[in-house]
Amino acid sequence: MNDYTRFCDLSEENCGGNKGSDKAHIKYNPDKYKSKLEFFNTFPNYTFIFGEFEQQPYTIGGAEYLYEEKKDSNEYRVGIDRMGDRTILGGIFMRNHDVVFDKEKSVVGWA
């Protein structure tokens, strides 16, 4: 997540003001932001391209890829990971979608 780290370090306004701190544990400060949505909006958007033939872009923001580590802790983690040249979205991505796994065709779809 090098782009993520660079984005966070560009300004105190980015990534909830977590500049130069541990990016694995991001703290939400309710005194600084009126809402968690305002906090989430300080994080970068990511656009993923899905599909082998008909490439479809899909953009997600902080509210979709951050998750609270423990309920009411105000500590968040990034739910996207890199493995070589692949991006792993996992459960954080699937929590907001209906996901269908077609094992016969080796295809995943969502709505």
Protein backbone atom coordinates (compact mmCIF):
# COMPACT_ATOMS: atom_id res chain seq x y z
CA MET A 1 0.00 0.00 0.00
CA ASN A 2 2.82 2.42 -0.82
CA ASP A 3 0.45 4.81 -2.65
CA TYR A 4 -1.78 4.81 0.42
CA THR A 5 1.13 5.67 2.73
CA ARG A 6 2.31 8.46 0.41
CA PHE A 7 -1.21 9.89 0.24
CA CYS A 8 -1.55 9.86 4.04
CA ASP A 9 1.81 11.56 4.51
CA LEU A 10 1.07 14.38 2.03
CA SER A 11 -1.07 16.38 4.45
CA GLU A 12 -2.39 16.45 8.01
CA GLU A 13 -5.86 16.53 6.44
CA ASN A 14 -5.42 13.16 4.70
CA CYS A 15 -6.21 9.84 6.38
CA GLY A 16 -7.79 11.36 9.44
CA GLY A 17 -4.59 13.19 10.37
CA ASN A 18 -2.67 9.93 10.83
CA LYS A 19 0.39 11.35 9.08
CA GLY A 20 3.61 9.57 9.97
CA SER A 21 1.87 7.26 12.43
CA ASP A 22 1.23 3.54 12.33
CA LYS A 23 -0.96 3.08 9.23
CA ALA A 24 -2.07 -0.37 10.42
CA HIS A 25 -4.08 1.20 13.27
CA ILE A 26 -5.88 4.36 12.26
CA LYS A 27 -7.60 6.33 14.98
CA TYR A 28 -10.88 8.18 14.49
CA ASN A 29 -11.00 11.37 16.54
CA PRO A 30 -14.66 12.33 17.20
CA ASP A 31 -13.55 15.77 18.41
CA LYS A 32 -12.04 16.54 15.01
CA TYR A 33 -14.75 15.14 12.69
CA LYS A 34 -18.51 15.70 12.84
CA SER A 35 -19.15 12.17 11.61
CA LYS A 36 -17.35 8.97 10.69
CA LEU A 37 -18.31 9.62 7.06
CA GLU A 38 -16.40 12.93 7.18
CA PHE A 39 -13.43 10.98 8.61
CA PHE A 40 -13.70 8.27 5.91
CA ASN A 41 -13.74 10.94 3.21
CA THR A 42 -10.19 11.98 4.17
CA PHE A 43 -8.89 8.66 2.77
CA PRO A 44 -8.00 7.99 -0.88
CA ASN A 45 -10.35 6.32 -3.33
CA TYR A 46 -9.19 3.17 -5.11
CA THR A 47 -10.31 2.11 -8.55
CA PHE A 48 -10.10 -1.55 -9.50
CA ILE A 49 -10.53 -2.95 -12.99
CA PHE A 50 -12.49 -6.19 -13.18
CA GLY A 51 -13.07 -8.44 -16.15
CA GLU A 52 -10.79 -10.11 -18.63
CA PHE A 53 -12.52 -8.96 -21.82
CA GLU A 54 -15.01 -6.30 -20.78
CA GLN A 55 -13.00 -4.33 -18.26
CA GLN A 56 -15.20 -2.64 -15.71
CA PRO A 57 -13.79 0.00 -13.34
CA TYR A 58 -15.06 -0.02 -9.76
CA THR A 59 -14.12 2.69 -7.26
CA ILE A 60 -14.30 2.36 -3.48
CA GLY A 61 -13.64 4.94 -0.77
CA GLY A 62 -12.50 4.82 2.83
CA ALA A 63 -15.96 3.92 4.17
CA GLU A 64 -15.82 0.75 2.08
CA TYR A 65 -12.29 -0.49 2.78
CA LEU A 66 -11.75 0.57 6.40
CA TYR A 67 -13.11 -1.59 9.19
CA GLU A 68 -13.29 -1.06 12.92
CA GLU A 69 -10.99 -3.49 14.68
CA LYS A 70 -13.12 -3.75 17.83
CA LYS A 71 -16.63 -2.40 18.23
CA ASP A 72 -16.67 1.18 19.60
CA SER A 73 -12.84 1.30 19.70
CA ASN A 74 -12.54 4.11 17.10
CA GLU A 75 -9.54 2.21 15.71
CA TYR A 76 -9.68 1.23 12.07
CA ARG A 77 -7.63 -0.98 9.78
CA VAL A 78 -7.27 -1.05 6.01
CA GLY A 79 -9.01 -4.10 4.54
CA ILE A 80 -7.04 -4.21 1.28
CA ASP A 81 -3.78 -6.07 0.86
CA ARG A 82 -1.25 -6.65 -1.90
CA MET A 83 0.29 -9.99 -2.81
CA GLY A 84 2.82 -9.47 -5.57
CA ASP A 85 0.96 -7.94 -8.51
CA ARG A 86 -2.45 -8.93 -7.12
CA THR A 87 -4.79 -7.02 -4.83
CA ILE A 88 -6.73 -8.92 -2.17
CA LEU A 89 -10.11 -7.41 -1.33
CA GLY A 90 -11.62 -10.18 0.82
CA GLY A 91 -14.48 -9.79 3.28
CA ILE A 92 -14.20 -6.02 3.56
CA PHE A 93 -15.23 -5.75 -0.07
CA MET A 94 -17.86 -8.49 0.07
CA ARG A 95 -19.67 -7.07 3.12
CA ASN A 96 -21.49 -4.51 0.92
CA HIS A 97 -22.27 -6.78 -2.02
CA ASP A 98 -24.13 -9.94 -2.91
CA VAL A 99 -21.33 -12.21 -4.11
CA VAL A 100 -21.79 -15.32 -6.26
CA PHE A 101 -19.01 -17.90 -6.69
CA ASP A 102 -19.36 -20.06 -9.82
CA LYS A 103 -16.85 -22.87 -9.28
CA GLU A 104 -17.62 -24.59 -12.59
CA LYS A 105 -16.74 -21.50 -14.65
CA SER A 106 -14.16 -20.16 -12.16
CA VAL A 107 -16.01 -16.85 -12.03
CA VAL A 108 -16.97 -14.51 -9.21
CA GLY A 109 -19.80 -12.03 -9.66
CA TRP A 110 -21.42 -9.42 -7.45
CA ALA A 111 -24.33 -7.04 -7.36
